[in-house]
């Protein structure tokens, strides 16, 4: 696998970064925010959906509630490689615009669900649109910015994950309680339908334009997918990412319900406060992780992996404190600490993934990473946590998140120890 080496002219400073690059970062980051708001709105609606039909709910069980998330993630995971291959061979901006319109429409249609199976159908198909967006957008940004800035750029783009999730929690807990869960789906889905066309005004940058050599002029052969999977640096990073996703996905989905059922905090309060915590920690954690990682990367090629490992291992004890805490200040402090540490890895891990991929295969490579991190991560983890909550207790189920976080840190540290030394500057 070809290792991507930065342009000497591009690695120093940001003076050569064009206005279209900054516009692309702002636009794609904002739409990524809507992406995750649509994805997580269902999390804070779970207690409402579990009510009886007579009380306005759908009488869902905890396991069925977990599958609302995992069915979406499963479709999202399986569709991502198809869109990655398509995007590496077509105009990526068009793919992104169609993706935003599709996921937004399907989110809104969830408000018309008549029961578990129809809601499951709409939530699952939402994964098709989000798969296209999440696999293609990082590839576009990698072609707009030099390697020396990519961890910060990916941190800004991925700071939309916790912020969007928080907005989803707030929409669900406020609109859902005030007007019902059907209205919450409509409020979450309509903005993306209106804004999808904005993407068509962005440029599609030359593939590999900010890397060494000439920009890529033709799509890669399909055999490159197999070559990419043989890249041990990509595999190690993706496996650590899968374990971290098992933790963060379960934390995002189950925390409002956990706080309501095990800690005695009402649904509206838990969803709203958790949303605010995620917003603050998402902004601070993502940007700090990206800045720290880019700065360390000047002297250590394994810096991105080391930052991921350190922050994930430190998040594990904070998650255990959440389970043991009785005082509200300690409970919320532990949740905030864990969320802050977990999101610090989003910029570094995505920067490392795009750096070890050839420019011509980045959309495919990021799509395959999505396949791995969800198929081995939150797809089995979210229902597993729900099953443990039903079989044992919610405290025991929540403690499992600490194990996922610790293991992800160990995998990333192992990967950093085996990263080939090469002064990135």
Protein backbone atom coordinates (compact mmCIF):
# COMPACT_ATOMS: atom_id res chain seq x y z
CA UNK A 1 0.00 0.00 0.00
CA UNK A 2 1.29 3.37 -0.95
CA UNK A 3 1.97 5.66 2.04
CA UNK A 4 0.82 9.17 1.35
CA UNK A 5 3.53 11.79 1.83
CA UNK A 6 2.53 15.46 2.15
CA UNK A 7 3.44 18.11 -0.38
CA UNK A 8 6.33 20.12 0.99
CA UNK A 9 4.59 23.27 -0.18
CA UNK A 10 1.32 22.38 1.57
CA UNK A 11 2.40 21.12 4.97
CA UNK A 12 3.50 24.47 6.37
CA UNK A 13 0.70 26.79 7.52
CA UNK A 14 -2.68 27.37 5.93
CA UNK A 15 -1.88 30.16 3.53
CA UNK A 16 -2.54 28.02 0.44
CA UNK A 17 -5.94 26.83 1.63
CA UNK A 18 -8.59 28.29 -0.67
CA UNK A 19 -11.98 29.77 0.16
CA UNK A 20 -13.81 26.81 -1.47
CA UNK A 21 -12.00 24.50 0.95
CA UNK A 22 -13.25 26.42 3.98
CA UNK A 23 -16.76 26.60 2.49
CA UNK A 24 -16.69 22.83 1.94
CA UNK A 25 -15.62 22.24 5.54
CA UNK A 26 -18.37 24.48 6.93
CA UNK A 27 -21.10 23.05 4.68
CA UNK A 28 -20.21 19.40 5.14
CA UNK A 29 -19.81 19.83 8.91
CA UNK A 30 -23.22 21.48 9.27
CA UNK A 31 -24.93 18.76 7.24
CA UNK A 32 -23.08 16.14 9.28
CA UNK A 33 -24.71 17.76 12.31
CA UNK A 34 -28.13 17.15 10.76
CA UNK A 35 -27.01 13.62 9.91
CA UNK A 36 -26.46 12.75 13.57
CA UNK A 37 -29.51 14.66 14.80
CA UNK A 38 -31.61 12.43 12.53
CA UNK A 39 -29.74 9.35 13.71
CA UNK A 40 -30.10 9.94 17.46
CA UNK A 41 -33.55 11.52 17.70
CA UNK A 42 -34.98 8.05 18.26
CA UNK A 43 -32.78 7.51 21.36
CA UNK A 44 -34.64 9.94 23.61
CA UNK A 45 -37.98 8.81 22.13
CA UNK A 46 -37.54 5.21 23.37
CA UNK A 47 -39.56 5.69 26.61
CA UNK A 48 -42.39 7.27 24.58
CA UNK A 49 -42.31 4.47 21.99
CA UNK A 50 -42.39 1.87 24.78
CA UNK A 51 -45.71 3.21 26.08
CA UNK A 52 -48.88 1.32 25.24
CA UNK A 53 -50.79 2.12 22.06
CA UNK A 54 -53.59 3.54 24.19
CA UNK A 55 -51.10 6.02 25.70
CA UNK A 56 -49.79 7.09 22.30
CA UNK A 57 -46.80 4.75 22.01
CA UNK A 58 -46.08 1.60 20.01
CA UNK A 59 -45.63 -0.79 23.00
CA UNK A 60 -42.02 -1.56 22.05
CA UNK A 61 -39.85 -3.80 24.23
CA UNK A 62 -36.28 -2.88 25.17
CA UNK A 63 -34.89 -5.34 22.64
CA UNK A 64 -37.12 -3.96 19.86
CA UNK A 65 -36.01 -0.44 20.81
CA UNK A 66 -32.38 -1.49 20.47
CA UNK A 67 -33.04 -2.89 17.01
CA UNK A 68 -34.37 0.47 15.83
CA UNK A 69 -30.79 1.66 16.13
CA UNK A 70 -29.04 -1.52 15.03
CA UNK A 71 -31.21 -2.11 11.95
CA UNK A 72 -30.29 1.39 10.79
CA UNK A 73 -26.62 0.75 11.50
CA UNK A 74 -26.73 -2.64 9.74
CA UNK A 75 -28.12 -1.15 6.51
CA UNK A 76 -25.75 1.81 6.88
CA UNK A 77 -22.84 -0.58 7.28
CA UNK A 78 -23.69 -2.78 4.30
CA UNK A 79 -24.50 0.13 1.99
CA UNK A 80 -21.35 2.13 2.74
CA UNK A 81 -18.93 0.07 0.58
CA UNK A 82 -21.26 0.34 -2.43
CA UNK A 83 -21.37 4.11 -2.19
CA UNK A 84 -17.63 4.30 -1.53
CA UNK A 85 -16.90 2.43 -4.76
CA UNK A 86 -19.46 4.58 -6.61
CA UNK A 87 -18.04 7.84 -5.28
CA UNK A 88 -14.48 6.95 -6.30
CA UNK A 89 -15.82 6.63 -9.87
CA UNK A 90 -18.32 9.50 -10.12
CA UNK A 91 -18.98 13.11 -9.11
CA UNK A 92 -18.89 12.96 -5.34
CA UNK A 93 -20.88 16.15 -4.72
CA UNK A 94 -23.95 14.70 -6.48
CA UNK A 95 -23.70 11.55 -4.37
CA UNK A 96 -23.62 13.70 -1.22
CA UNK A 97 -26.67 15.78 -2.24
CA UNK A 98 -28.78 12.69 -2.97
CA UNK A 99 -27.68 11.15 0.33
CA UNK A 100 -28.79 14.14 2.42
CA UNK A 101 -32.18 14.35 0.71
CA UNK A 102 -32.77 10.60 1.12
CA UNK A 103 -31.95 10.25 4.82
CA UNK A 104 -33.93 13.39 5.68
CA UNK A 105 -37.05 12.18 3.82
CA UNK A 106 -36.94 8.77 5.50
CA UNK A 107 -36.49 10.32 8.95
CA UNK A 108 -39.60 12.45 8.42
CA UNK A 109 -41.55 9.40 7.19
CA UNK A 110 -40.87 7.73 10.54
CA UNK A 111 -43.52 10.05 11.96
CA UNK A 112 -46.16 8.06 10.02
CA UNK A 113 -45.11 4.64 11.35
CA UNK A 114 -48.06 2.46 12.37
CA UNK A 115 -46.12 -0.03 14.48
CA UNK A 116 -42.72 -1.59 15.21
CA UNK A 117 -42.16 -3.09 11.76
CA UNK A 118 -43.02 0.04 9.78
CA UNK A 119 -40.84 2.19 12.05
CA UNK A 120 -38.05 -0.38 11.75
CA UNK A 121 -38.40 -0.19 7.95
CA UNK A 122 -38.05 3.60 7.82
CA UNK A 123 -35.17 3.69 10.33
CA UNK A 124 -33.30 0.94 8.50
CA UNK A 125 -33.57 2.61 5.09
CA UNK A 126 -32.33 5.89 6.57
CA UNK A 127 -28.97 4.12 6.75
CA UNK A 128 -28.68 4.12 2.94
CA UNK A 129 -28.50 7.92 2.74
CA UNK A 130 -26.25 8.30 5.74
CA UNK A 131 -23.89 5.61 4.44
CA UNK A 132 -23.25 7.59 1.26
CA UNK A 133 -22.62 10.81 3.18
CA UNK A 134 -20.34 9.41 5.88
CA UNK A 135 -18.09 7.53 3.45
CA UNK A 136 -17.76 10.27 0.81
CA UNK A 137 -17.52 13.53 2.79
CA UNK A 138 -14.17 12.71 4.53
CA UNK A 139 -12.65 11.84 1.15
CA UNK A 140 -13.69 15.24 -0.24
CA UNK A 141 -12.21 17.05 2.77
CA UNK A 142 -8.94 15.08 2.49
CA UNK A 143 -8.58 16.42 -1.05
CA UNK A 144 -9.20 20.01 0.12
CA UNK A 145 -6.67 20.14 2.99
CA UNK A 146 -3.00 19.19 3.45
CA UNK A 147 -2.03 16.23 5.69
CA UNK A 148 -0.63 18.62 8.32
CA UNK A 149 -4.17 19.95 8.92
CA UNK A 150 -6.26 16.83 8.50
CA UNK A 151 -6.66 15.86 12.15
CA UNK A 152 -8.03 19.33 12.94
CA UNK A 153 -10.24 19.31 9.83
CA UNK A 154 -11.61 15.88 10.68
CA UNK A 155 -12.10 17.05 14.27
CA UNK A 156 -14.22 19.99 13.10
CA UNK A 157 -16.20 17.75 10.73
CA UNK A 158 -16.72 15.08 13.38
CA UNK A 159 -17.51 17.53 16.17
CA UNK A 160 -20.91 17.46 14.49
CA UNK A 161 -21.32 13.90 15.79
CA UNK A 162 -21.87 14.75 19.47
CA UNK A 163 -23.45 18.11 18.67
CA UNK A 164 -25.89 16.55 16.22
CA UNK A 165 -26.58 13.71 18.64
CA UNK A 166 -27.31 16.26 21.36
CA UNK A 167 -29.72 18.12 19.09
CA UNK A 168 -31.41 14.79 18.37
CA UNK A 169 -31.75 14.12 22.11
CA UNK A 170 -33.16 17.59 22.71
CA UNK A 171 -35.62 17.35 19.82
CA UNK A 172 -36.81 13.97 21.08
CA UNK A 173 -37.08 14.94 24.74
CA UNK A 174 -38.72 18.35 24.19
CA UNK A 175 -40.80 17.99 21.03
CA UNK A 176 -41.62 14.36 21.86
CA UNK A 177 -42.85 15.17 25.38
CA UNK A 178 -44.72 18.31 24.30
CA UNK A 179 -46.32 17.18 21.01
CA UNK A 180 -45.57 13.47 20.63
CA UNK A 181 -42.92 11.29 19.05
CA UNK A 182 -44.37 11.62 15.53
CA UNK A 183 -43.76 15.38 15.49
CA UNK A 184 -40.18 14.83 16.71
CA UNK A 185 -39.36 12.78 13.59
CA UNK A 186 -40.81 15.51 11.37
CA UNK A 187 -38.81 18.27 13.09
CA UNK A 188 -35.61 16.23 12.71
CA UNK A 189 -36.10 15.34 9.04
CA UNK A 190 -37.43 18.45 7.32
CA UNK A 191 -34.27 20.70 7.54
CA UNK A 192 -32.11 18.25 5.58
CA UNK A 193 -34.71 17.97 2.82
CA UNK A 194 -34.60 21.75 2.42
CA UNK A 195 -30.79 22.07 2.51
CA UNK A 196 -29.67 19.12 0.35
CA UNK A 197 -29.45 21.31 -2.76
CA UNK A 198 -26.79 23.52 -1.12
CA UNK A 199 -24.27 20.75 -1.70
CA UNK A 200 -24.54 21.10 -5.47
CA UNK A 201 -22.84 24.51 -5.19
CA UNK A 202 -19.64 22.96 -3.82
CA UNK A 203 -16.73 21.98 -6.05
CA UNK A 204 -15.47 18.39 -6.34
CA UNK A 205 -11.70 18.80 -5.71
CA UNK A 206 -9.12 16.79 -7.67
CA UNK A 207 -8.45 13.44 -6.06
CA UNK A 208 -4.99 13.50 -4.48
CA UNK A 209 -4.57 17.22 -5.15
CA UNK A 210 -3.13 17.87 -1.68
CA UNK A 211 -0.87 14.79 -1.61
CA UNK A 212 2.42 13.93 -3.25
CA UNK A 213 2.48 13.40 -7.01
CA UNK A 214 -0.07 14.48 -9.55
CA UNK A 215 -3.83 14.50 -8.87
CA UNK A 216 -5.57 11.24 -9.68
CA UNK A 217 -7.06 11.34 -13.14
CA UNK A 218 -8.79 7.96 -13.34
CA UNK A 219 -10.68 5.71 -10.91
CA UNK A 220 -8.89 2.80 -9.21
CA UNK A 221 -9.27 -0.76 -10.40
CA UNK A 222 -11.64 -2.91 -8.37
CA UNK A 223 -8.67 -5.03 -7.32
CA UNK A 224 -7.52 -2.05 -5.20
CA UNK A 225 -10.24 -2.91 -2.69
CA UNK A 226 -8.48 -6.20 -1.92
CA UNK A 227 -5.11 -4.43 -1.77
CA UNK A 228 -6.56 -1.91 0.67
CA UNK A 229 -7.88 -4.63 2.98
CA UNK A 230 -4.37 -6.10 3.09
CA UNK A 231 -3.10 -2.85 4.62
CA UNK A 232 -2.34 -3.87 8.21
CA UNK A 233 -2.14 -0.23 9.35
CA UNK A 234 -5.70 0.35 8.12
CA UNK A 235 -6.96 -2.88 9.72
CA UNK A 236 -5.53 -2.15 13.17
CA UNK A 237 -6.92 1.37 13.19
CA UNK A 238 -10.36 0.21 12.00
CA UNK A 239 -10.57 -2.55 14.62
CA UNK A 240 -9.80 -0.12 17.45
CA UNK A 241 -12.40 2.22 15.97
CA UNK A 242 -14.97 -0.61 16.07
CA UNK A 243 -14.49 -1.13 19.79
CA UNK A 244 -14.69 2.60 20.45
CA UNK A 245 -17.89 2.77 18.37
CA UNK A 246 -19.39 -0.05 20.44
CA UNK A 247 -18.85 2.17 23.47
CA UNK A 248 -19.88 5.54 22.05
CA UNK A 249 -22.87 4.18 20.13
CA UNK A 250 -24.23 2.44 23.23
CA UNK A 251 -23.56 5.52 25.36
CA UNK A 252 -25.45 7.75 22.96
CA UNK A 253 -28.42 5.41 22.53
CA UNK A 254 -28.98 4.19 26.08
CA UNK A 255 -27.91 7.04 28.39
CA UNK A 256 -31.27 8.92 28.50
CA UNK A 257 -33.15 5.67 29.19
CA UNK A 258 -30.50 4.54 31.72
CA UNK A 259 -30.69 7.81 33.65
CA UNK A 260 -34.49 7.66 33.64
CA UNK A 261 -34.81 4.03 34.79
CA UNK A 262 -31.76 3.52 37.03
CA UNK A 263 -30.89 6.96 38.37
CA UNK A 264 -34.37 8.38 38.79
CA UNK A 265 -33.86 11.33 36.45
CA UNK A 266 -36.93 12.15 34.36
CA UNK A 267 -36.87 11.66 30.60
CA UNK A 268 -37.12 15.35 29.71
CA UNK A 269 -34.40 16.35 32.18
CA UNK A 270 -32.04 13.48 31.31
CA UNK A 271 -32.39 14.02 27.55
CA UNK A 272 -31.97 17.78 27.73
CA UNK A 273 -29.06 17.81 30.20
CA UNK A 274 -27.31 14.96 28.41
CA UNK A 275 -27.76 16.82 25.13
CA UNK A 276 -26.14 19.95 26.59
CA UNK A 277 -23.27 17.90 28.02
CA UNK A 278 -22.68 16.26 24.65
CA UNK A 279 -22.68 19.63 22.85
CA UNK A 280 -20.06 21.16 25.16
CA UNK A 281 -17.82 18.11 25.39
CA UNK A 282 -18.22 17.47 21.66
CA UNK A 283 -16.92 20.89 20.66
CA UNK A 284 -14.14 21.04 23.25
CA UNK A 285 -13.09 17.40 22.99
CA UNK A 286 -13.07 17.18 19.19
CA UNK A 287 -11.07 20.38 18.70
CA UNK A 288 -8.62 19.64 21.52
CA UNK A 289 -8.04 16.10 20.22
CA UNK A 290 -7.45 17.38 16.68
CA UNK A 291 -5.08 20.14 17.80
CA UNK A 292 -3.12 17.83 20.12
CA UNK A 293 -2.85 15.13 17.48
CA UNK A 294 -1.70 17.46 14.67
CA UNK A 295 0.89 19.05 16.95
CA UNK A 296 2.26 15.67 18.06
CA UNK A 297 2.19 14.42 14.44
CA UNK A 298 4.99 16.89 13.59
CA UNK A 299 7.45 14.64 15.41
CA UNK A 300 5.72 11.25 15.66
CA UNK A 301 3.95 9.49 12.80
CA UNK A 302 2.00 7.39 15.30
CA UNK A 303 0.64 10.45 17.11
CA UNK A 304 -2.91 10.07 15.83
CA UNK A 305 -3.09 6.52 17.17
CA UNK A 306 -1.47 7.46 20.49
CA UNK A 307 -4.01 10.20 21.15
CA UNK A 308 -6.84 7.76 20.39
CA UNK A 309 -5.37 5.15 22.74
CA UNK A 310 -4.72 7.48 25.67
CA UNK A 311 -8.13 9.15 25.61
CA UNK A 312 -10.06 5.88 25.22
CA UNK A 313 -8.25 4.17 28.09
CA UNK A 314 -8.85 7.18 30.35
CA UNK A 315 -12.57 7.16 29.48
CA UNK A 316 -13.02 3.64 30.92
CA UNK A 317 -12.74 4.55 34.64
CA UNK A 318 -14.99 7.58 34.09
CA UNK A 319 -17.70 5.26 32.75
CA UNK A 320 -17.41 3.05 35.84
CA UNK A 321 -17.89 6.11 38.04
CA UNK A 322 -21.18 6.75 36.21
CA UNK A 323 -22.44 3.35 37.37
CA UNK A 324 -21.32 3.86 40.98
CA UNK A 325 -22.24 7.53 41.39
CA UNK A 326 -25.12 8.48 43.68
CA UNK A 327 -24.68 12.25 43.88
CA UNK A 328 -25.94 14.16 40.81
CA UNK A 329 -22.79 16.31 40.55
CA UNK A 330 -20.57 13.21 40.46
CA UNK A 331 -22.87 11.43 38.00
CA UNK A 332 -22.94 14.31 35.50
CA UNK A 333 -19.25 15.03 36.01
CA UNK A 334 -18.36 11.43 35.14
CA UNK A 335 -20.64 11.44 32.09
CA UNK A 336 -19.08 14.70 30.87
CA UNK A 337 -15.54 13.41 31.44
CA UNK A 338 -16.21 10.16 29.57
CA UNK A 339 -17.88 11.95 26.66
CA UNK A 340 -15.05 14.50 26.44
CA UNK A 341 -12.37 11.81 26.31
CA UNK A 342 -14.24 9.62 23.83
CA UNK A 343 -14.78 12.39 21.27
CA UNK A 344 -11.13 13.46 21.41
CA UNK A 345 -10.33 10.51 19.14
CA UNK A 346 -12.66 11.34 16.25
CA UNK A 347 -10.28 13.74 14.49
CA UNK A 348 -7.10 11.67 14.93
CA UNK A 349 -8.65 8.34 13.93
CA UNK A 350 -10.16 9.72 10.71
CA UNK A 351 -6.94 11.57 9.87
CA UNK A 352 -4.95 8.36 10.28
CA UNK A 353 -7.38 6.39 8.12
CA UNK A 354 -7.24 8.83 5.19
CA UNK A 355 -3.45 9.18 5.51
CA UNK A 356 -2.82 5.45 5.10
CA UNK A 357 -5.12 5.21 2.07
CA UNK A 358 -4.22 6.02 -1.53
CA UNK A 359 -6.03 9.19 -2.73
CA UNK A 360 -7.88 7.24 -5.42
CA UNK A 361 -9.47 4.87 -2.90
CA UNK A 362 -10.28 7.11 0.05
CA UNK A 363 -14.06 7.03 -0.35
CA UNK A 364 -13.92 3.24 -0.68
CA UNK A 365 -11.49 2.96 2.24
CA UNK A 366 -13.60 5.11 4.54
CA UNK A 367 -16.68 3.14 3.49
CA UNK A 368 -14.96 -0.15 4.33
CA UNK A 369 -13.94 1.33 7.68
CA UNK A 370 -17.62 2.09 8.31
CA UNK A 371 -18.41 -1.54 7.49
CA UNK A 372 -15.86 -2.81 10.01
CA UNK A 373 -16.47 -0.35 12.83
CA UNK A 374 -20.24 -0.84 12.84
CA UNK A 375 -20.45 -4.53 11.98
CA UNK A 376 -18.03 -5.30 14.82
CA UNK A 377 -19.03 -2.32 16.96
CA UNK A 378 -22.41 -0.81 17.76
CA UNK A 379 -24.55 -3.17 15.61
CA UNK A 380 -24.08 -6.02 18.12
CA UNK A 381 -23.26 -3.79 21.11
CA UNK A 382 -26.48 -1.72 21.37
CA UNK A 383 -28.85 -4.74 21.47
CA UNK A 384 -26.37 -6.52 23.76
CA UNK A 385 -26.59 -3.68 26.27
CA UNK A 386 -30.40 -3.82 26.04
CA UNK A 387 -30.35 -7.60 26.59
CA UNK A 388 -28.06 -7.26 29.61
CA UNK A 389 -30.33 -4.57 31.06
CA UNK A 390 -33.32 -6.92 30.79
CA UNK A 391 -31.46 -10.03 31.99
CA UNK A 392 -29.27 -8.61 34.76
CA UNK A 393 -29.51 -4.88 35.45
CA UNK A 394 -28.98 -1.59 33.67
CA UNK A 395 -25.96 -0.89 35.87
CA UNK A 396 -24.31 -4.12 34.75
CA UNK A 397 -25.14 -3.32 31.14
CA UNK A 398 -23.72 0.19 31.39
CA UNK A 399 -20.49 -1.12 32.95
CA UNK A 400 -19.90 -3.03 29.71
CA UNK A 401 -19.23 0.31 28.00
CA UNK A 402 -16.10 0.77 30.12
CA UNK A 403 -14.74 -2.55 28.85
CA UNK A 404 -15.33 -1.53 25.22
CA UNK A 405 -13.49 1.75 25.79
CA UNK A 406 -10.53 0.09 27.51
CA UNK A 407 -10.14 -2.53 24.77
CA UNK A 408 -10.25 0.09 22.01
CA UNK A 409 -7.45 2.00 23.71
CA UNK A 410 -5.35 -1.16 23.97
CA UNK A 411 -5.80 -1.96 20.26
CA UNK A 412 -4.86 1.58 19.22
CA UNK A 413 -1.79 1.58 21.48
CA UNK A 414 -0.68 -1.73 19.98
CA UNK A 415 -1.16 -0.24 16.50
CA UNK A 416 0.90 2.83 17.47
CA UNK A 417 3.75 0.63 18.73
CA UNK A 418 3.89 -1.08 15.32
CA UNK A 419 3.54 2.06 13.21
CA UNK A 420 6.62 2.42 10.92
CA UNK A 421 8.81 5.32 11.94
CA UNK A 422 9.02 8.10 9.42
CA UNK A 423 9.35 11.78 10.34
CA UNK A 424 6.13 13.21 8.86
CA UNK A 425 7.66 16.64 8.40
